[in-house]
Amino acid sequence: ALAAAFRSAGGTIETGTRVTSLDELPEARAVFLALTF
């Protein structure tokens, strides 16, 4: 339901994408990591 709410607001979700370095991320003004420290 949360994912559907995000998509309905215009957001984009890509699954199956494991991030091992910030260098792998597309350019953005801010990055948020929902990861342990």
Full PDB file with SEQRES, HELIX, SHEET, SSBOND, CRYST1, ORIGX, SCALE, CONECT and MASTER records, all heavy atoms in Angstrom:
SEQRES   1 A   37  ALA LEU ALA ALA ALA PHE ARG SER ALA GLY GLY THR ILE          
SEQRES   2 A   37  GLU THR GLY THR ARG VAL THR SER LEU ASP GLU LEU PRO          
SEQRES   3 A   37  GLU ALA ARG ALA VAL PHE LEU ALA LEU THR PHE                  
HELIX    1 AA1 LEU A    2  SER A    8  1                                   7    
HELIX    2 AA2 LEU A   22  GLU A   24  5                                   3    
CRYST1    1.000    1.000    1.000  90.00  90.00  90.00 P 1           1          
ORIGX1      1.000000  0.000000  0.000000        0.00000                         
ORIGX2      0.000000  1.000000  0.000000        0.00000                         
ORIGX3      0.000000  0.000000  1.000000        0.00000                         
SCALE1      1.000000  0.000000  0.000000        0.00000                         
SCALE2      0.000000  1.000000  0.000000        0.00000                         
SCALE3      0.000000  0.000000  1.000000        0.00000                         
ATOM      1  N   ALA A   1       0.831  -1.203   0.000  1.00  0.00           N  
ATOM      2  CA  ALA A   1       0.000   0.000   0.000  1.00  0.00           C  
ATOM      3  C   ALA A   1       0.867   1.255   0.000  1.00  0.00           C  
ATOM      4  O   ALA A   1       0.569   2.234  -0.704  1.00  0.00           O  
ATOM      5  CB  ALA A   1      -0.927  -0.003   1.217  1.00  0.00           C  
ATOM      6  N   LEU A   2       1.956   1.249   0.782  1.00  0.00           N  
ATOM      7  CA  LEU A   2       2.869   2.390   0.780  1.00  0.00           C  
ATOM      8  C   LEU A   2       3.491   2.580  -0.603  1.00  0.00           C  
ATOM      9  O   LEU A   2       3.615   3.708  -1.095  1.00  0.00           O  
ATOM     10  CB  LEU A   2       3.962   2.188   1.832  1.00  0.00           C  
ATOM     11  CG  LEU A   2       3.535   2.318   3.291  1.00  0.00           C  
ATOM     12  CD1 LEU A   2       4.624   1.781   4.224  1.00  0.00           C  
ATOM     13  CD2 LEU A   2       3.217   3.774   3.638  1.00  0.00           C  
ATOM     14  N   ALA A   3       3.900   1.484  -1.234  1.00  0.00           N  
ATOM     15  CA  ALA A   3       4.496   1.572  -2.562  1.00  0.00           C  
ATOM     16  C   ALA A   3       3.488   2.111  -3.572  1.00  0.00           C  
ATOM     17  O   ALA A   3       3.829   2.925  -4.444  1.00  0.00           O  
ATOM     18  CB  ALA A   3       5.008   0.202  -2.998  1.00  0.00           C  
ATOM     19  N   ALA A   4       2.236   1.659  -3.465  1.00  0.00           N  
ATOM     20  CA  ALA A   4       1.204   2.151  -4.380  1.00  0.00           C  
ATOM     21  C   ALA A   4       0.953   3.641  -4.176  1.00  0.00           C  
ATOM     22  O   ALA A   4       0.754   4.388  -5.147  1.00  0.00           O  
ATOM     23  CB  ALA A   4      -0.087   1.363  -4.173  1.00  0.00           C  
ATOM     24  N   ALA A   5       0.973   4.086  -2.926  1.00  0.00           N  
ATOM     25  CA  ALA A   5       0.796   5.512  -2.643  1.00  0.00           C  
ATOM     26  C   ALA A   5       1.938   6.327  -3.233  1.00  0.00           C  
ATOM     27  O   ALA A   5       1.726   7.418  -3.784  1.00  0.00           O  
ATOM     28  CB  ALA A   5       0.699   5.729  -1.135  1.00  0.00           C  
ATOM     29  N   PHE A   6       3.155   5.809  -3.130  1.00  0.00           N  
ATOM     30  CA  PHE A   6       4.321   6.501  -3.690  1.00  0.00           C  
ATOM     31  C   PHE A   6       4.216   6.589  -5.213  1.00  0.00           C  
ATOM     32  O   PHE A   6       4.425   7.650  -5.804  1.00  0.00           O  
ATOM     33  CB  PHE A   6       5.593   5.762  -3.270  1.00  0.00           C  
ATOM     34  CG  PHE A   6       6.850   6.263  -3.918  1.00  0.00           C  
ATOM     35  CD1 PHE A   6       7.255   7.583  -3.761  1.00  0.00           C  
ATOM     36  CD2 PHE A   6       7.640   5.414  -4.678  1.00  0.00           C  
ATOM     37  CE1 PHE A   6       8.422   8.042  -4.353  1.00  0.00           C  
ATOM     38  CE2 PHE A   6       8.809   5.855  -5.271  1.00  0.00           C  
ATOM     39  CZ  PHE A   6       9.200   7.186  -5.109  1.00  0.00           C  
ATOM     40  N   ARG A   7       3.882   5.482  -5.844  1.00  0.00           N  
ATOM     41  CA  ARG A   7       3.758   5.493  -7.306  1.00  0.00           C  
ATOM     42  C   ARG A   7       2.638   6.431  -7.766  1.00  0.00           C  
ATOM     43  O   ARG A   7       2.752   7.119  -8.784  1.00  0.00           O  
ATOM     44  CB  ARG A   7       3.504   4.078  -7.815  1.00  0.00           C  
ATOM     45  CG  ARG A   7       4.714   3.136  -7.738  1.00  0.00           C  
ATOM     46  CD  ARG A   7       4.429   1.847  -8.494  1.00  0.00           C  
ATOM     47  NE  ARG A   7       5.558   0.938  -8.522  1.00  0.00           N  
ATOM     48  CZ  ARG A   7       5.680  -0.149  -7.769  1.00  0.00           C  
ATOM     49  NH1 ARG A   7       4.718  -0.438  -6.887  1.00  0.00           N  
ATOM     50  NH2 ARG A   7       6.728  -0.928  -7.857  1.00  0.00           N  
ATOM     51  N   SER A   8       1.531   6.442  -7.010  1.00  0.00           N  
ATOM     52  CA  SER A   8       0.411   7.297  -7.403  1.00  0.00           C  
ATOM     53  C   SER A   8       0.777   8.771  -7.335  1.00  0.00           C  
ATOM     54  O   SER A   8       0.166   9.601  -8.035  1.00  0.00           O  
ATOM     55  CB  SER A   8      -0.803   7.018  -6.509  1.00  0.00           C  
ATOM     56  OG  SER A   8      -0.631   7.556  -5.209  1.00  0.00           O  
ATOM     57  N   ALA A   9       1.769   9.102  -6.509  1.00  0.00           N  
ATOM     58  CA  ALA A   9       2.241  10.484  -6.414  1.00  0.00           C  
ATOM     59  C   ALA A   9       3.283  10.809  -7.479  1.00  0.00           C  
ATOM     60  O   ALA A   9       3.778  11.939  -7.535  1.00  0.00           O  
ATOM     61  CB  ALA A   9       2.818  10.743  -5.025  1.00  0.00           C  
ATOM     62  N   GLY A  10       3.626   9.802  -8.303  1.00  0.00           N  
ATOM     63  CA  GLY A  10       4.576  10.038  -9.384  1.00  0.00           C  
ATOM     64  C   GLY A  10       5.954   9.464  -9.158  1.00  0.00           C  
ATOM     65  O   GLY A  10       6.857   9.682  -9.971  1.00  0.00           O  
ATOM     66  N   GLY A  11       6.160   8.750  -8.067  1.00  0.00           N  
ATOM     67  CA  GLY A  11       7.473   8.194  -7.758  1.00  0.00           C  
ATOM     68  C   GLY A  11       7.820   6.982  -8.601  1.00  0.00           C  
ATOM     69  O   GLY A  11       6.937   6.314  -9.154  1.00  0.00           O  
ATOM     70  N   THR A  12       9.119   6.689  -8.673  1.00  0.00           N  
ATOM     71  CA  THR A  12       9.623   5.570  -9.469  1.00  0.00           C  
ATOM     72  C   THR A  12      10.318   4.564  -8.561  1.00  0.00           C  
ATOM     73  O   THR A  12      11.140   4.942  -7.727  1.00  0.00           O  
ATOM     74  CB  THR A  12      10.625   6.062 -10.526  1.00  0.00           C  
ATOM     75  OG1 THR A  12       9.974   7.028 -11.370  1.00  0.00           O  
ATOM     76  CG2 THR A  12      11.135   4.904 -11.376  1.00  0.00           C  
ATOM     77  N   ILE A  13       9.995   3.271  -8.737  1.00  0.00           N  
ATOM     78  CA  ILE A  13      10.614   2.200  -7.961  1.00  0.00           C  
ATOM     79  C   ILE A  13      11.328   1.250  -8.909  1.00  0.00           C  
ATOM     80  O   ILE A  13      10.762   0.827  -9.919  1.00  0.00           O  
ATOM     81  CB  ILE A  13       9.575   1.418  -7.138  1.00  0.00           C  
ATOM     82  CG1 ILE A  13       8.855   2.337  -6.142  1.00  0.00           C  
ATOM     83  CG2 ILE A  13      10.242   0.257  -6.388  1.00  0.00           C  
ATOM     84  CD1 ILE A  13       7.750   1.642  -5.368  1.00  0.00           C  
ATOM     85  N   GLU A  14      12.568   0.921  -8.580  1.00  0.00           N  
ATOM     86  CA  GLU A  14      13.321  -0.095  -9.316  1.00  0.00           C  
ATOM     87  C   GLU A  14      13.729  -1.179  -8.333  1.00  0.00           C  
ATOM     88  O   GLU A  14      14.481  -0.918  -7.387  1.00  0.00           O  
ATOM     89  CB  GLU A  14      14.560   0.507  -9.982  1.00  0.00           C  
ATOM     90  CG  GLU A  14      14.240   1.487 -11.103  1.00  0.00           C  
ATOM     91  CD  GLU A  14      15.494   2.029 -11.778  1.00  0.00           C  
ATOM     92  OE1 GLU A  14      16.608   1.527 -11.444  1.00  0.00           O  
ATOM     93  OE2 GLU A  14      15.368   2.940 -12.618  1.00  0.00           O  
ATOM     94  N   THR A  15      13.233  -2.398  -8.528  1.00  0.00           N  
ATOM     95  CA  THR A  15      13.602  -3.522  -7.675  1.00  0.00           C  
ATOM     96  C   THR A  15      14.745  -4.299  -8.306  1.00  0.00           C  
ATOM     97  O   THR A  15      15.124  -4.066  -9.459  1.00  0.00           O  
ATOM     98  CB  THR A  15      12.394  -4.446  -7.442  1.00  0.00           C  
ATOM     99  OG1 THR A  15      11.914  -4.905  -8.713  1.00  0.00           O  
ATOM    100  CG2 THR A  15      11.270  -3.705  -6.727  1.00  0.00           C  
ATOM    101  N   GLY A  16      15.314  -5.228  -7.543  1.00  0.00           N  
ATOM    102  CA  GLY A  16      16.431  -6.021  -8.045  1.00  0.00           C  
ATOM    103  C   GLY A  16      17.674  -5.206  -8.299  1.00  0.00           C  
ATOM    104  O   GLY A  16      18.515  -5.578  -9.121  1.00  0.00           O  
ATOM    105  N   THR A  17      17.831  -4.110  -7.565  1.00  0.00           N  
ATOM    106  CA  THR A  17      18.971  -3.203  -7.751  1.00  0.00           C  
ATOM    107  C   THR A  17      19.728  -3.081  -6.440  1.00  0.00           C  
ATOM    108  O   THR A  17      19.349  -2.304  -5.557  1.00  0.00           O  
ATOM    109  CB  THR A  17      18.504  -1.811  -8.222  1.00  0.00           C  
ATOM    110  OG1 THR A  17      17.708  -1.941  -9.390  1.00  0.00           O  
ATOM    111  CG2 THR A  17      19.695  -0.913  -8.511  1.00  0.00           C  
ATOM    112  N   ARG A  18      20.774  -3.844  -6.288  1.00  0.00           N  
ATOM    113  CA  ARG A  18      21.572  -3.812  -5.062  1.00  0.00           C  
ATOM    114  C   ARG A  18      22.675  -2.762  -5.195  1.00  0.00           C  
ATOM    115  O   ARG A  18      23.420  -2.752  -6.179  1.00  0.00           O  
ATOM    116  CB  ARG A  18      22.181  -5.178  -4.766  1.00  0.00           C  
ATOM    117  CG  ARG A  18      22.871  -5.255  -3.399  1.00  0.00           C  
ATOM    118  CD  ARG A  18      23.284  -6.681  -3.079  1.00  0.00           C  
ATOM    119  NE  ARG A  18      22.123  -7.563  -3.012  1.00  0.00           N  
ATOM    120  CZ  ARG A  18      21.342  -7.680  -1.937  1.00  0.00           C  
ATOM    121  NH1 ARG A  18      21.606  -6.966  -0.850  1.00  0.00           N  
ATOM    122  NH2 ARG A  18      20.324  -8.514  -1.943  1.00  0.00           N  
ATOM    123  N   VAL A  19      22.785  -1.902  -4.198  1.00  0.00           N  
ATOM    124  CA  VAL A  19      23.763  -0.814  -4.215  1.00  0.00           C  
ATOM    125  C   VAL A  19      24.915  -1.167  -3.286  1.00  0.00           C  
ATOM    126  O   VAL A  19      24.703  -1.456  -2.107  1.00  0.00           O  
ATOM    127  CB  VAL A  19      23.111   0.512  -3.778  1.00  0.00           C  
ATOM    128  CG1 VAL A  19      24.149   1.626  -3.706  1.00  0.00           C  
ATOM    129  CG2 VAL A  19      21.977   0.887  -4.726  1.00  0.00           C  
ATOM    130  N   THR A  20      26.123  -1.161  -3.785  1.00  0.00           N  
ATOM    131  CA  THR A  20      27.305  -1.448  -2.967  1.00  0.00           C  
ATOM    132  C   THR A  20      28.203  -0.238  -2.801  1.00  0.00           C  
ATOM    133  O   THR A  20      29.137  -0.258  -2.003  1.00  0.00           O  
ATOM    134  CB  THR A  20      28.116  -2.595  -3.586  1.00  0.00           C  
ATOM    135  OG1 THR A  20      28.533  -2.223  -4.910  1.00  0.00           O  
ATOM    136  CG2 THR A  20      27.282  -3.873  -3.662  1.00  0.00           C  
ATOM    137  N   SER A  21      27.946   0.828  -3.554  1.00  0.00           N  
ATOM    138  CA  SER A  21      28.742   2.048  -3.459  1.00  0.00           C  
ATOM    139  C   SER A  21      27.897   3.224  -3.929  1.00  0.00           C  
ATOM    140  O   SER A  21      27.067   3.078  -4.847  1.00  0.00           O  
ATOM    141  CB  SER A  21      30.007   1.946  -4.320  1.00  0.00           C  
ATOM    142  OG  SER A  21      30.648   3.206  -4.428  1.00  0.00           O  
ATOM    143  N   LEU A  22      28.123   4.390  -3.337  1.00  0.00           N  
ATOM    144  CA  LEU A  22      27.405   5.579  -3.781  1.00  0.00           C  
ATOM    145  C   LEU A  22      27.740   5.923  -5.219  1.00  0.00           C  
ATOM    146  O   LEU A  22      26.951   6.578  -5.914  1.00  0.00           O  
ATOM    147  CB  LEU A  22      27.734   6.762  -2.868  1.00  0.00           C  
ATOM    148  CG  LEU A  22      27.249   6.691  -1.420  1.00  0.00           C  
ATOM    149  CD1 LEU A  22      27.585   7.985  -0.694  1.00  0.00           C  
ATOM    150  CD2 LEU A  22      25.753   6.416  -1.357  1.00  0.00           C  
ATOM    151  N   ASP A  23      28.898   5.485  -5.675  1.00  0.00           N  
ATOM    152  CA  ASP A  23      29.305   5.775  -7.051  1.00  0.00           C  
ATOM    153  C   ASP A  23      28.391   5.110  -8.071  1.00  0.00           C  
ATOM    154  O   ASP A  23      28.380   5.497  -9.250  1.00  0.00           O  
ATOM    155  CB  ASP A  23      30.748   5.321  -7.285  1.00  0.00           C  
ATOM    156  CG  ASP A  23      31.750   6.093  -6.437  1.00  0.00           C  
ATOM    157  OD1 ASP A  23      31.433   7.241  -6.052  1.00  0.00           O  
ATOM    158  OD2 ASP A  23      32.831   5.548  -6.142  1.00  0.00           O  
ATOM    159  N   GLU A  24      27.651   4.096  -7.654  1.00  0.00           N  
ATOM    160  CA  GLU A  24      26.752   3.388  -8.566  1.00  0.00           C  
ATOM    161  C   GLU A  24      25.432   4.121  -8.776  1.00  0.00           C  
ATOM    162  O   GLU A  24      24.662   3.764  -9.671  1.00  0.00           O  
ATOM    163  CB  GLU A  24      26.456   1.989  -8.016  1.00  0.00           C  
ATOM    164  CG  GLU A  24      27.680   1.117  -7.807  1.00  0.00           C  
ATOM    165  CD  GLU A  24      27.362  -0.130  -7.015  1.00  0.00           C  
ATOM    166  OE1 GLU A  24      26.168  -0.352  -6.692  1.00  0.00           O  
ATOM    167  OE2 GLU A  24      28.294  -0.890  -6.720  1.00  0.00           O  
ATOM    168  N   LEU A  25      25.161   5.126  -7.957  1.00  0.00           N  
ATOM    169  CA  LEU A  25      23.863   5.789  -7.985  1.00  0.00           C  
ATOM    170  C   LEU A  25      23.815   6.865  -9.054  1.00  0.00           C  
ATOM    171  O   LEU A  25      24.828   7.506  -9.352  1.00  0.00           O  
ATOM    172  CB  LEU A  25      23.563   6.413  -6.625  1.00  0.00           C  
ATOM    173  CG  LEU A  25      23.460   5.457  -5.442  1.00  0.00           C  
ATOM    174  CD1 LEU A  25      23.217   6.236  -4.159  1.00  0.00           C  
ATOM    175  CD2 LEU A  25      22.345   4.447  -5.674  1.00  0.00           C  
ATOM    176  N   PRO A  26      22.650   7.096  -9.628  1.00  0.00           N  
ATOM    177  CA  PRO A  26      22.507   8.214 -10.565  1.00  0.00           C  
ATOM    178  C   PRO A  26      22.642   9.539  -9.828  1.00  0.00           C  
ATOM    179  O   PRO A  26      22.459   9.622  -8.605  1.00  0.00           O  
ATOM    180  CB  PRO A  26      21.094   8.020 -11.120  1.00  0.00           C  
ATOM    181  CG  PRO A  26      20.373   7.233 -10.087  1.00  0.00           C  
ATOM    182  CD  PRO A  26      21.400   6.331  -9.467  1.00  0.00           C  
ATOM    183  N   GLU A  27      22.948  10.560 -10.563  1.00  0.00           N  
ATOM    184  CA  GLU A  27      23.136  11.879  -9.952  1.00  0.00           C  
ATOM    185  C   GLU A  27      21.826  12.367  -9.347  1.00  0.00           C  
ATOM    186  O   GLU A  27      20.748  12.223  -9.933  1.00  0.00           O  
ATOM    187  CB  GLU A  27      23.630  12.870 -11.005  1.00  0.00           C  
ATOM    188  CG  GLU A  27      23.971  14.240 -10.437  1.00  0.00           C  
ATOM    189  CD  GLU A  27      24.562  15.168 -11.487  1.00  0.00           C  
ATOM    190  OE1 GLU A  27      24.928  14.667 -12.567  1.00  0.00           O  
ATOM    191  OE2 GLU A  27      24.652  16.377 -11.204  1.00  0.00           O  
ATOM    192  N   ALA A  28      21.919  12.905  -8.142  1.00  0.00           N  
ATOM    193  CA  ALA A  28      20.747  13.437  -7.448  1.00  0.00           C  
ATOM    194  C   ALA A  28      21.195  14.502  -6.467  1.00  0.00           C  
ATOM    195  O   ALA A  28      22.357  14.529  -6.046  1.00  0.00           O  
ATOM    196  CB  ALA A  28      20.001  12.317  -6.718  1.00  0.00           C  
ATOM    197  N   ARG A  29      20.275  15.340  -6.086  1.00  0.00           N  
ATOM    198  CA  ARG A  29      20.612  16.401  -5.131  1.00  0.00           C  
ATOM    199  C   ARG A  29      20.767  15.860  -3.713  1.00  0.00           C  
ATOM    200  O   ARG A  29      21.444  16.457  -2.884  1.00  0.00           O  
ATOM    201  CB  ARG A  29      19.530  17.487  -5.163  1.00  0.00           C  
ATOM    202  CG  ARG A  29      19.475  18.239  -6.484  1.00  0.00           C  
ATOM    203  CD  ARG A  29      18.243  19.120  -6.558  1.00  0.00           C  
ATOM    204  NE  ARG A  29      18.252  20.157  -5.529  1.00  0.00           N  
ATOM    205  CZ  ARG A  29      17.208  20.953  -5.271  1.00  0.00           C  
ATOM    206  NH1 ARG A  29      16.082  20.777  -5.956  1.00  0.00           N  
ATOM    207  NH2 ARG A  29      17.281  21.873  -4.335  1.00  0.00           N  
ATOM    208  N   ALA A  30      20.125  14.728  -3.422  1.00  0.00           N  
ATOM    209  CA  ALA A  30      20.238  14.120  -2.095  1.00  0.00           C  
ATOM    210  C   ALA A  30      20.046  12.618  -2.204  1.00  0.00           C  
ATOM    211  O   ALA A  30      19.296  12.135  -3.059  1.00  0.00           O  
ATOM    212  CB  ALA A  30      19.214  14.713  -1.127  1.00  0.00           C  
ATOM    213  N   VAL A  31      20.748  11.882  -1.343  1.00  0.00           N  
ATOM    214  CA  VAL A  31      20.664  10.428  -1.288  1.00  0.00           C  
ATOM    215  C   VAL A  31      20.238  10.023   0.121  1.00  0.00           C  
ATOM    216  O   VAL A  31      20.747  10.569   1.115  1.00  0.00           O  
ATOM    217  CB  VAL A  31      22.012   9.775  -1.643  1.00  0.00           C  
ATOM    218  CG1 VAL A  31      21.975   8.275  -1.379  1.00  0.00           C  
ATOM    219  CG2 VAL A  31      22.370  10.053  -3.101  1.00  0.00           C  
ATOM    220  N   PHE A  32      19.326   9.072   0.198  1.00  0.00           N  
ATOM    221  CA  PHE A  32      18.814   8.575   1.472  1.00  0.00           C  
ATOM    222  C   PHE A  32      19.106   7.084   1.556  1.00  0.00           C  
ATOM    223  O   PHE A  32      18.762   6.324   0.653  1.00  0.00           O  
ATOM    224  CB  PHE A  32      17.307   8.821   1.584  1.00  0.00           C  
ATOM    225  CG  PHE A  32      16.939  10.266   1.578  1.00  0.00           C  
ATOM    226  CD1 PHE A  32      16.933  10.988   0.386  1.00  0.00           C  
ATOM    227  CD2 PHE A  32      16.618  10.923   2.754  1.00  0.00           C  
ATOM    228  CE1 PHE A  32      16.611  12.332   0.376  1.00  0.00           C  
ATOM    229  CE2 PHE A  32      16.298  12.266   2.757  1.00  0.00           C  
ATOM    230  CZ  PHE A  32      16.304  12.984   1.559  1.00  0.00           C  
ATOM    231  N   LEU A  33      19.735   6.656   2.644  1.00  0.00           N  
ATOM    232  CA  LEU A  33      20.116   5.270   2.823  1.00  0.00           C  
ATOM    233  C   LEU A  33      19.298   4.643   3.952  1.00  0.00           C  
ATOM    234  O   LEU A  33      19.475   4.988   5.125  1.00  0.00           O  
ATOM    235  CB  LEU A  33      21.608   5.158   3.138  1.00  0.00           C  
ATOM    236  CG  LEU A  33      22.561   5.759   2.099  1.00  0.00           C  
ATOM    237  CD1 LEU A  33      24.011   5.675   2.583  1.00  0.00           C  
ATOM    238  CD2 LEU A  33      22.413   5.073   0.750  1.00  0.00           C  
ATOM    239  N   ALA A  34      18.391   3.747   3.611  1.00  0.00           N  
ATOM    240  CA  ALA A  34      17.615   3.014   4.622  1.00  0.00           C  
ATOM    241  C   ALA A  34      18.398   1.758   4.987  1.00  0.00           C  
ATOM    242  O   ALA A  34      17.963   0.625   4.744  1.00  0.00           O  
ATOM    243  CB  ALA A  34      16.226   2.677   4.085  1.00  0.00           C  
ATOM    244  N   LEU A  35      19.557   1.976   5.580  1.00  0.00           N  
ATOM    245  CA  LEU A  35      20.509   0.915   5.892  1.00  0.00           C  
ATOM    246  C   LEU A  35      21.004   1.090   7.314  1.00  0.00           C  
ATOM    247  O   LEU A  35      20.947   2.182   7.883  1.00  0.00           O  
ATOM    248  CB  LEU A  35      21.712   0.979   4.935  1.00  0.00           C  
ATOM    249  CG  LEU A  35      21.400   0.979   3.431  1.00  0.00           C  
ATOM    250  CD1 LEU A  35      22.669   1.277   2.644  1.00  0.00           C  
ATOM    251  CD2 LEU A  35      20.815  -0.361   3.017  1.00  0.00           C  
ATOM    252  N   THR A  36      21.524   0.011   7.904  1.00  0.00           N  
ATOM    253  CA  THR A  36      22.126   0.134   9.225  1.00  0.00           C  
ATOM    254  C   THR A  36      23.454   0.862   9.103  1.00  0.00           C  
ATOM    255  O   THR A  36      24.029   0.967   8.018  1.00  0.00           O  
ATOM    256  CB  THR A  36      22.346  -1.240   9.868  1.00  0.00           C  
ATOM    257  OG1 THR A  36      23.369  -1.939   9.145  1.00  0.00           O  
ATOM    258  CG2 THR A  36      21.066  -2.066   9.859  1.00  0.00           C  
ATOM    259  N   PHE A  37      23.955   1.353  10.227  1.00  0.00           N  
ATOM    260  CA  PHE A  37      25.123   2.237  10.158  1.00  0.00           C  
ATOM    261  C   PHE A  37      26.381   1.557   9.628  1.00  0.00           C  
ATOM    262  O   PHE A  37      27.164   2.168   8.907  1.00  0.00           O  
ATOM    263  CB  PHE A  37      25.392   2.865  11.529  1.00  0.00           C  
ATOM    264  CG  PHE A  37      24.508   4.044  11.817  1.00  0.00           C  
ATOM    265  CD1 PHE A  37      23.688   4.052  12.929  1.00  0.00           C  
ATOM    266  CD2 PHE A  37      24.482   5.123  10.962  1.00  0.00           C  
ATOM    267  CE1 PHE A  37      22.865   5.139  13.191  1.00  0.00           C  
ATOM    268  CE2 PHE A  37      23.659   6.216  11.216  1.00  0.00           C  
ATOM    269  CZ  PHE A  37      22.842   6.223  12.331  1.00  0.00           C  
TER     270      PHE A  37                                                      
MASTER        0    0    0    2    0    0    0    6  269    1    0    3          
END                                                                             
